[in-house]
């Protein structure tokens, strides 16, 4: 029997943006590392046109964007108006 595991895309799609930004850098980097592994695994299997590959790439871009936003907020200091 094959055990079905959730992809990182399925995990992060249910996390609201505010909660995603509130995650620590280590958690975000862990998601990023897992997504990179998924993308590499799909590439090695030559499945770049599969839905799973595109979802992994989309999730990777999303996480990297959240990391950039969080880094910019940390550098500039969050100013609440």
PDB file of N, CA and C in Angstrom:
ATOM      1  N   UNK A   1       0.840  -1.185   0.000  1.00  0.00           N
ATOM      2  CA  UNK A   1       0.000   0.000   0.000  1.00  0.00           C
ATOM      3  C   UNK A   1       0.885   1.250   0.000  1.00  0.00           C
ATOM      4  N   UNK A   2       0.601   2.167  -0.880  1.00  0.00           N
ATOM      5  CA  UNK A   2       1.372   3.387  -1.004  1.00  0.00           C
ATOM      6  C   UNK A   2       0.771   4.435  -0.077  1.00  0.00           C
ATOM      7  N   UNK A   3       1.641   5.049   0.710  1.00  0.00           N
ATOM      8  CA  UNK A   3       1.199   6.088   1.632  1.00  0.00           C
ATOM      9  C   UNK A   3       1.221   7.425   0.903  1.00  0.00           C
ATOM     10  N   UNK A   4       0.065   8.091   0.866  1.00  0.00           N
ATOM     11  CA  UNK A   4      -0.027   9.389   0.194  1.00  0.00           C
ATOM     12  C   UNK A   4       0.412  10.482   1.157  1.00  0.00           C
ATOM     13  N   UNK A   5       1.395  11.242   0.737  1.00  0.00           N
ATOM     14  CA  UNK A   5       1.856  12.361   1.558  1.00  0.00           C
ATOM     15  C   UNK A   5       1.417  13.651   0.895  1.00  0.00           C
ATOM     16  N   UNK A   6       1.127  14.648   1.711  1.00  0.00           N
ATOM     17  CA  UNK A   6       0.738  15.939   1.174  1.00  0.00           C
ATOM     18  C   UNK A   6       1.964  16.662   0.649  1.00  0.00           C
ATOM     19  N   UNK A   7       1.778  17.326  -0.472  1.00  0.00           N
ATOM     20  CA  UNK A   7       2.865  18.157  -0.988  1.00  0.00           C
ATOM     21  C   UNK A   7       2.884  19.459  -0.191  1.00  0.00           C
ATOM     22  N   UNK A   8       3.972  20.177  -0.293  1.00  0.00           N
ATOM     23  CA  UNK A   8       4.098  21.446   0.420  1.00  0.00           C
ATOM     24  C   UNK A   8       3.062  22.432  -0.109  1.00  0.00           C
ATOM     25  N   UNK A   9       2.748  22.360  -1.399  1.00  0.00           N
ATOM     26  CA  UNK A   9       1.729  23.231  -1.994  1.00  0.00           C
ATOM     27  C   UNK A   9       0.395  23.040  -1.271  1.00  0.00           C
ATOM     28  N   UNK A  10       0.004  21.790  -1.044  1.00  0.00           N
ATOM     29  CA  UNK A  10      -1.262  21.501  -0.368  1.00  0.00           C
ATOM     30  C   UNK A  10      -1.260  22.003   1.071  1.00  0.00           C
ATOM     31  N   UNK A  11      -0.098  22.020   1.687  1.00  0.00           N
ATOM     32  CA  UNK A  11       0.004  22.492   3.066  1.00  0.00           C
ATOM     33  C   UNK A  11      -0.108  24.013   3.118  1.00  0.00           C
ATOM     34  N   UNK A  12       0.638  24.711   2.259  1.00  0.00           N
ATOM     35  CA  UNK A  12       0.675  26.174   2.372  1.00  0.00           C
ATOM     36  C   UNK A  12      -0.526  26.863   1.750  1.00  0.00           C
ATOM     37  N   UNK A  13      -1.276  26.175   0.895  1.00  0.00           N
ATOM     38  CA  UNK A  13      -2.420  26.839   0.275  1.00  0.00           C
ATOM     39  C   UNK A  13      -3.506  27.149   1.295  1.00  0.00           C
ATOM     40  N   UNK A  14      -3.497  26.470   2.424  1.00  0.00           N
ATOM     41  CA  UNK A  14      -4.505  26.705   3.456  1.00  0.00           C
ATOM     42  C   UNK A  14      -4.049  27.693   4.522  1.00  0.00           C
ATOM     43  N   UNK A  15      -2.835  28.213   4.405  1.00  0.00           N
ATOM     44  CA  UNK A  15      -2.310  29.156   5.394  1.00  0.00           C
ATOM     45  C   UNK A  15      -2.608  30.574   4.910  1.00  0.00           C
ATOM     46  N   UNK A  16      -3.317  31.388   5.711  1.00  0.00           N
ATOM     47  CA  UNK A  16      -3.571  32.775   5.304  1.00  0.00           C
ATOM     48  C   UNK A  16      -2.268  33.572   5.205  1.00  0.00           C
ATOM     49  N   UNK A  17      -2.291  34.631   4.412  1.00  0.00           N
ATOM     50  CA  UNK A  17      -1.096  35.432   4.165  1.00  0.00           C
ATOM     51  C   UNK A  17      -0.553  36.023   5.462  1.00  0.00           C
ATOM     52  N   UNK A  18      -1.427  36.548   6.314  1.00  0.00           N
ATOM     53  CA  UNK A  18      -0.973  37.131   7.580  1.00  0.00           C
ATOM     54  C   UNK A  18      -0.229  36.105   8.424  1.00  0.00           C
ATOM     55  N   UNK A  19      -0.749  34.890   8.456  1.00  0.00           N
ATOM     56  CA  UNK A  19      -0.095  33.832   9.219  1.00  0.00           C
ATOM     57  C   UNK A  19       1.217  33.418   8.576  1.00  0.00           C
ATOM     58  N   UNK A  20       1.254  33.462   7.241  1.00  0.00           N
ATOM     59  CA  UNK A  20       2.471  33.094   6.525  1.00  0.00           C
ATOM     60  C   UNK A  20       3.593  34.082   6.845  1.00  0.00           C
ATOM     61  N   UNK A  21       3.268  35.363   6.880  1.00  0.00           N
ATOM     62  CA  UNK A  21       4.272  36.377   7.185  1.00  0.00           C
ATOM     63  C   UNK A  21       4.704  36.279   8.649  1.00  0.00           C
ATOM     64  N   UNK A  22       3.814  35.802   9.512  1.00  0.00           N
ATOM     65  CA  UNK A  22       4.133  35.678  10.935  1.00  0.00           C
ATOM     66  C   UNK A  22       5.046  34.479  11.231  1.00  0.00           C
ATOM     67  N   UNK A  23       5.216  33.575  10.258  1.00  0.00           N
ATOM     68  CA  UNK A  23       6.108  32.427  10.473  1.00  0.00           C
ATOM     69  C   UNK A  23       7.549  32.905  10.620  1.00  0.00           C
ATOM     70  N   UNK A  24       8.340  32.120  11.307  1.00  0.00           N
ATOM     71  CA  UNK A  24       9.744  32.484  11.490  1.00  0.00           C
ATOM     72  C   UNK A  24      10.524  32.206  10.196  1.00  0.00           C
ATOM     73  N   UNK A  25      11.703  32.823  10.109  1.00  0.00           N
ATOM     74  CA  UNK A  25      12.547  32.612   8.937  1.00  0.00           C
ATOM     75  C   UNK A  25      12.945  31.144   8.802  1.00  0.00           C
ATOM     76  N   UNK A  26      13.169  30.453   9.921  1.00  0.00           N
ATOM     77  CA  UNK A  26      13.565  29.041   9.849  1.00  0.00           C
ATOM     78  C   UNK A  26      12.440  28.190   9.275  1.00  0.00           C
ATOM     79  N   UNK A  27      11.197  28.486   9.641  1.00  0.00           N
ATOM     80  CA  UNK A  27      10.071  27.736   9.084  1.00  0.00           C
ATOM     81  C   UNK A  27       9.925  28.010   7.595  1.00  0.00           C
ATOM     82  N   UNK A  28      10.077  29.273   7.213  1.00  0.00           N
ATOM     83  CA  UNK A  28       9.973  29.620   5.800  1.00  0.00           C
ATOM     84  C   UNK A  28      11.102  28.982   4.990  1.00  0.00           C
ATOM     85  N   UNK A  29      12.310  28.993   5.535  1.00  0.00           N
ATOM     86  CA  UNK A  29      13.450  28.376   4.837  1.00  0.00           C
ATOM     87  C   UNK A  29      13.259  26.864   4.732  1.00  0.00           C
ATOM     88  N   UNK A  30      12.614  26.260   5.727  1.00  0.00           N
ATOM     89  CA  UNK A  30      12.340  24.822   5.683  1.00  0.00           C
ATOM     90  C   UNK A  30      11.349  24.508   4.561  1.00  0.00           C
ATOM     91  N   UNK A  31      10.287  25.323   4.451  1.00  0.00           N
ATOM     92  CA  UNK A  31       9.342  25.159   3.345  1.00  0.00           C
ATOM     93  C   UNK A  31      10.066  25.317   2.012  1.00  0.00           C
ATOM     94  N   UNK A  32      10.934  26.315   1.927  1.00  0.00           N
ATOM     95  CA  UNK A  32      11.674  26.578   0.691  1.00  0.00           C
ATOM     96  C   UNK A  32      12.554  25.383   0.318  1.00  0.00           C
ATOM     97  N   UNK A  33      13.237  24.819   1.279  1.00  0.00           N
ATOM     98  CA  UNK A  33      14.102  23.665   1.018  1.00  0.00           C
ATOM     99  C   UNK A  33      13.288  22.460   0.547  1.00  0.00           C
ATOM    100  N   UNK A  34      12.146  22.229   1.186  1.00  0.00           N
ATOM    101  CA  UNK A  34      11.289  21.114   0.777  1.00  0.00           C
ATOM    102  C   UNK A  34      10.769  21.315  -0.643  1.00  0.00           C
ATOM    103  N   UNK A  35      10.398  22.549  -0.961  1.00  0.00           N
ATOM    104  CA  UNK A  35       9.898  22.835  -2.307  1.00  0.00           C
ATOM    105  C   UNK A  35      10.992  22.679  -3.359  1.00  0.00           C
ATOM    106  N   UNK A  36      12.201  23.107  -3.031  1.00  0.00           N
ATOM    107  CA  UNK A  36      13.311  22.925  -3.969  1.00  0.00           C
ATOM    108  C   UNK A  36      13.546  21.438  -4.229  1.00  0.00           C
ATOM    109  N   UNK A  37      13.442  20.639  -3.174  1.00  0.00           N
ATOM    110  CA  UNK A  37      13.594  19.188  -3.335  1.00  0.00           C
ATOM    111  C   UNK A  37      12.499  18.618  -4.237  1.00  0.00           C
ATOM    112  N   UNK A  38      11.256  19.100  -4.057  1.00  0.00           N
ATOM    113  CA  UNK A  38      10.151  18.636  -4.901  1.00  0.00           C
ATOM    114  C   UNK A  38      10.384  19.020  -6.359  1.00  0.00           C
ATOM    115  N   UNK A  39      10.808  20.255  -6.593  1.00  0.00           N
ATOM    116  CA  UNK A  39      11.056  20.708  -7.965  1.00  0.00           C
ATOM    117  C   UNK A  39      12.169  19.882  -8.603  1.00  0.00           C
ATOM    118  N   UNK A  40      13.232  19.645  -7.865  1.00  0.00           N
ATOM    119  CA  UNK A  40      14.347  18.843  -8.390  1.00  0.00           C
ATOM    120  C   UNK A  40      13.889  17.413  -8.680  1.00  0.00           C
ATOM    121  N   UNK A  41      13.088  16.848  -7.790  1.00  0.00           N
ATOM    122  CA  UNK A  41      12.598  15.475  -7.994  1.00  0.00           C
ATOM    123  C   UNK A  41      11.755  15.388  -9.263  1.00  0.00           C
ATOM    124  N   UNK A  42      10.880  16.356  -9.487  1.00  0.00           N
ATOM    125  CA  UNK A  42      10.057  16.353 -10.704  1.00  0.00           C
ATOM    126  C   UNK A  42      10.915  16.564 -11.944  1.00  0.00           C
ATOM    127  N   UNK A  43      11.943  17.391 -11.833  1.00  0.00           N
ATOM    128  CA  UNK A  43      12.833  17.640 -12.967  1.00  0.00           C
ATOM    129  C   UNK A  43      13.606  16.375 -13.324  1.00  0.00           C
ATOM    130  N   UNK A  44      14.088  15.676 -12.308  1.00  0.00           N
ATOM    131  CA  UNK A  44      14.836  14.447 -12.569  1.00  0.00           C
ATOM    132  C   UNK A  44      13.953  13.364 -13.196  1.00  0.00           C
ATOM    133  N   UNK A  45      12.673  13.392 -12.861  1.00  0.00           N
ATOM    134  CA  UNK A  45      11.734  12.432 -13.448  1.00  0.00           C
ATOM    135  C   UNK A  45      11.226  12.898 -14.811  1.00  0.00           C
ATOM    136  N   UNK A  46      11.715  14.073 -15.247  1.00  0.00           N
ATOM    137  CA  UNK A  46      11.312  14.686 -16.512  1.00  0.00           C
ATOM    138  C   UNK A  46       9.800  14.915 -16.577  1.00  0.00           C
ATOM    139  N   UNK A  47       9.267  15.431 -15.490  1.00  0.00           N
ATOM    140  CA  UNK A  47       7.836  15.704 -15.419  1.00  0.00           C
ATOM    141  C   UNK A  47       7.576  17.199 -15.270  1.00  0.00           C
ATOM    142  N   UNK A  48       8.284  18.012 -16.070  1.00  0.00           N
ATOM    143  CA  UNK A  48       8.135  19.461 -15.965  1.00  0.00           C
ATOM    144  C   UNK A  48       6.772  19.950 -16.440  1.00  0.00           C
ATOM    145  N   UNK A  49       6.053  19.136 -17.175  1.00  0.00           N
ATOM    146  CA  UNK A  49       4.747  19.560 -17.660  1.00  0.00           C
ATOM    147  C   UNK A  49       3.611  19.060 -16.778  1.00  0.00           C
ATOM    148  N   UNK A  50       3.939  18.417 -15.681  1.00  0.00           N
ATOM    149  CA  UNK A  50       2.895  17.886 -14.807  1.00  0.00           C
ATOM    150  C   UNK A  50       2.327  18.977 -13.906  1.00  0.00           C
ATOM    151  N   UNK A  51       1.120  18.721 -13.432  1.00  0.00           N
ATOM    152  CA  UNK A  51       0.456  19.670 -12.540  1.00  0.00           C
ATOM    153  C   UNK A  51       1.224  19.786 -11.226  1.00  0.00           C
ATOM    154  N   UNK A  52       1.772  18.698 -10.730  1.00  0.00           N
ATOM    155  CA  UNK A  52       2.521  18.723  -9.482  1.00  0.00           C
ATOM    156  C   UNK A  52       3.777  19.587  -9.591  1.00  0.00           C
ATOM    157  N   UNK A  53       4.448  19.518 -10.720  1.00  0.00           N
ATOM    158  CA  UNK A  53       5.648  20.338 -10.936  1.00  0.00           C
ATOM    159  C   UNK A  53       5.279  21.820 -10.921  1.00  0.00           C
ATOM    160  N   UNK A  54       4.233  22.187 -11.647  1.00  0.00           N
ATOM    161  CA  UNK A  54       3.831  23.591 -11.710  1.00  0.00           C
ATOM    162  C   UNK A  54       3.377  24.103 -10.350  1.00  0.00           C
ATOM    163  N   UNK A  55       2.705  23.257  -9.585  1.00  0.00           N
ATOM    164  CA  UNK A  55       2.297  23.651  -8.240  1.00  0.00           C
ATOM    165  C   UNK A  55       3.511  23.838  -7.328  1.00  0.00           C
ATOM    166  N   UNK A  56       4.489  22.971  -7.456  1.00  0.00           N
ATOM    167  CA  UNK A  56       5.701  23.093  -6.642  1.00  0.00           C
ATOM    168  C   UNK A  56       6.446  24.379  -6.976  1.00  0.00           C
ATOM    169  N   UNK A  57       6.535  24.719  -8.268  1.00  0.00           N
ATOM    170  CA  UNK A  57       7.204  25.952  -8.683  1.00  0.00           C
ATOM    171  C   UNK A  57       6.416  27.164  -8.183  1.00  0.00           C
ATOM    172  N   UNK A  58       5.101  27.119  -8.306  1.00  0.00           N
ATOM    173  CA  UNK A  58       4.267  28.218  -7.833  1.00  0.00           C
ATOM    174  C   UNK A  58       4.428  28.415  -6.325  1.00  0.00           C
ATOM    175  N   UNK A  59       4.411  27.334  -5.573  1.00  0.00           N
ATOM    176  CA  UNK A  59       4.574  27.417  -4.122  1.00  0.00           C
ATOM    177  C   UNK A  59       5.965  27.929  -3.757  1.00  0.00           C
ATOM    178  N   UNK A  60       6.980  27.509  -4.507  1.00  0.00           N
ATOM    179  CA  UNK A  60       8.345  27.984  -4.257  1.00  0.00           C
ATOM    180  C   UNK A  60       8.431  29.491  -4.478  1.00  0.00           C
ATOM    181  N   UNK A  61       7.843  29.975  -5.548  1.00  0.00           N
ATOM    182  CA  UNK A  61       7.840  31.422  -5.807  1.00  0.00           C
ATOM    183  C   UNK A  61       7.082  32.169  -4.712  1.00  0.00           C
ATOM    184  N   UNK A  62       5.988  31.584  -4.251  1.00  0.00           N
ATOM    185  CA  UNK A  62       5.192  32.204  -3.194  1.00  0.00           C
ATOM    186  C   UNK A  62       6.012  32.334  -1.915  1.00  0.00           C
ATOM    187  N   UNK A  63       6.659  31.247  -1.512  1.00  0.00           N
ATOM    188  CA  UNK A  63       7.458  31.255  -0.286  1.00  0.00           C
ATOM    189  C   UNK A  63       8.619  32.236  -0.422  1.00  0.00           C
ATOM    190  N   UNK A  64       9.286  32.255  -1.568  1.00  0.00           N
ATOM    191  CA  UNK A  64      10.391  33.187  -1.763  1.00  0.00           C
ATOM    192  C   UNK A  64       9.901  34.631  -1.728  1.00  0.00           C
ATOM    193  N   UNK A  65       8.713  34.893  -2.223  1.00  0.00           N
ATOM    194  CA  UNK A  65       8.140  36.228  -2.147  1.00  0.00           C
ATOM    195  C   UNK A  65       7.831  36.633  -0.716  1.00  0.00           C
ATOM    196  N   UNK A  66       7.303  35.702   0.069  1.00  0.00           N
ATOM    197  CA  UNK A  66       7.025  35.978   1.475  1.00  0.00           C
ATOM    198  C   UNK A  66       8.325  36.255   2.221  1.00  0.00           C
ATOM    199  N   UNK A  67       9.370  35.499   1.911  1.00  0.00           N
ATOM    200  CA  UNK A  67      10.673  35.713   2.550  1.00  0.00           C
ATOM    201  C   UNK A  67      11.203  37.108   2.198  1.00  0.00           C
ATOM    202  N   UNK A  68      11.055  37.521   0.922  1.00  0.00           N
ATOM    203  CA  UNK A  68      11.508  38.861   0.520  1.00  0.00           C
ATOM    204  C   UNK A  68      10.745  39.952   1.260  1.00  0.00           C
ATOM    205  N   UNK A  69       9.431  39.806   1.352  1.00  0.00           N
ATOM    206  CA  UNK A  69       8.608  40.797   2.057  1.00  0.00           C
ATOM    207  C   UNK A  69       9.004  40.869   3.520  1.00  0.00           C
ATOM    208  N   UNK A  70       9.169  39.710   4.133  1.00  0.00           N
ATOM    209  CA  UNK A  70       9.538  39.670   5.547  1.00  0.00           C
ATOM    210  C   UNK A  70      10.924  40.281   5.758  1.00  0.00           C
ATOM    211  N   UNK A  71      11.854  40.022   4.847  1.00  0.00           N
ATOM    212  CA  UNK A  71      13.197  40.592   4.941  1.00  0.00           C
ATOM    213  C   UNK A  71      13.158  42.105   4.800  1.00  0.00           C
ATOM    214  N   UNK A  72      12.361  42.605   3.859  1.00  0.00           N
ATOM    215  CA  UNK A  72      12.238  44.047   3.679  1.00  0.00           C
ATOM    216  C   UNK A  72      11.628  44.695   4.918  1.00  0.00           C
ATOM    217  N   UNK A  73      10.620  44.048   5.496  1.00  0.00           N
ATOM    218  CA  UNK A  73      10.010  44.586   6.718  1.00  0.00           C
ATOM    219  C   UNK A  73      11.013  44.622   7.862  1.00  0.00           C
ATOM    220  N   UNK A  74      11.842  43.586   7.955  1.00  0.00           N
ATOM    221  CA  UNK A  74      12.835  43.521   9.028  1.00  0.00           C
ATOM    222  C   UNK A  74      13.898  44.615   8.843  1.00  0.00           C
ATOM    223  N   UNK A  75      14.322  44.832   7.598  1.00  0.00           N
ATOM    224  CA  UNK A  75      15.374  45.822   7.315  1.00  0.00           C
ATOM    225  C   UNK A  75      14.882  47.249   7.532  1.00  0.00           C
ATOM    226  N   UNK A  76      13.675  47.525   7.080  1.00  0.00           N
ATOM    227  CA  UNK A  76      13.167  48.876   7.158  1.00  0.00           C
ATOM    228  C   UNK A  76      12.444  49.151   8.471  1.00  0.00           C
ATOM    229  N   UNK A  77      12.076  48.122   9.175  1.00  0.00           N
ATOM    230  CA  UNK A  77      11.296  48.292  10.390  1.00  0.00           C
ATOM    231  C   UNK A  77       9.852  48.552  10.010  1.00  0.00           C
ATOM    232  N   UNK A  78       8.975  47.761  10.517  1.00  0.00           N
ATOM    233  CA  UNK A  78       7.563  47.899  10.178  1.00  0.00           C
ATOM    234  C   UNK A  78       7.005  49.141  10.841  1.00  0.00           C
ATOM    235  N   UNK A  79       6.450  50.027  10.037  1.00  0.00           N
ATOM    236  CA  UNK A  79       5.866  51.251  10.568  1.00  0.00           C
ATOM    237  C   UNK A  79       4.361  51.187  10.356  1.00  0.00           C
ATOM    238  N   UNK A  80       3.655  51.219  11.449  1.00  0.00           N
ATOM    239  CA  UNK A  80       2.201  51.160  11.366  1.00  0.00           C
ATOM    240  C   UNK A  80       1.660  52.575  11.418  1.00  0.00           C
ATOM    241  N   UNK A  81       0.865  52.930  10.406  1.00  0.00           N
ATOM    242  CA  UNK A  81       0.432  54.279  10.250  1.00  0.00           C
ATOM    243  C   UNK A  81      -0.729  54.647  11.046  1.00  0.00           C
TER     244      UNK A  81
END
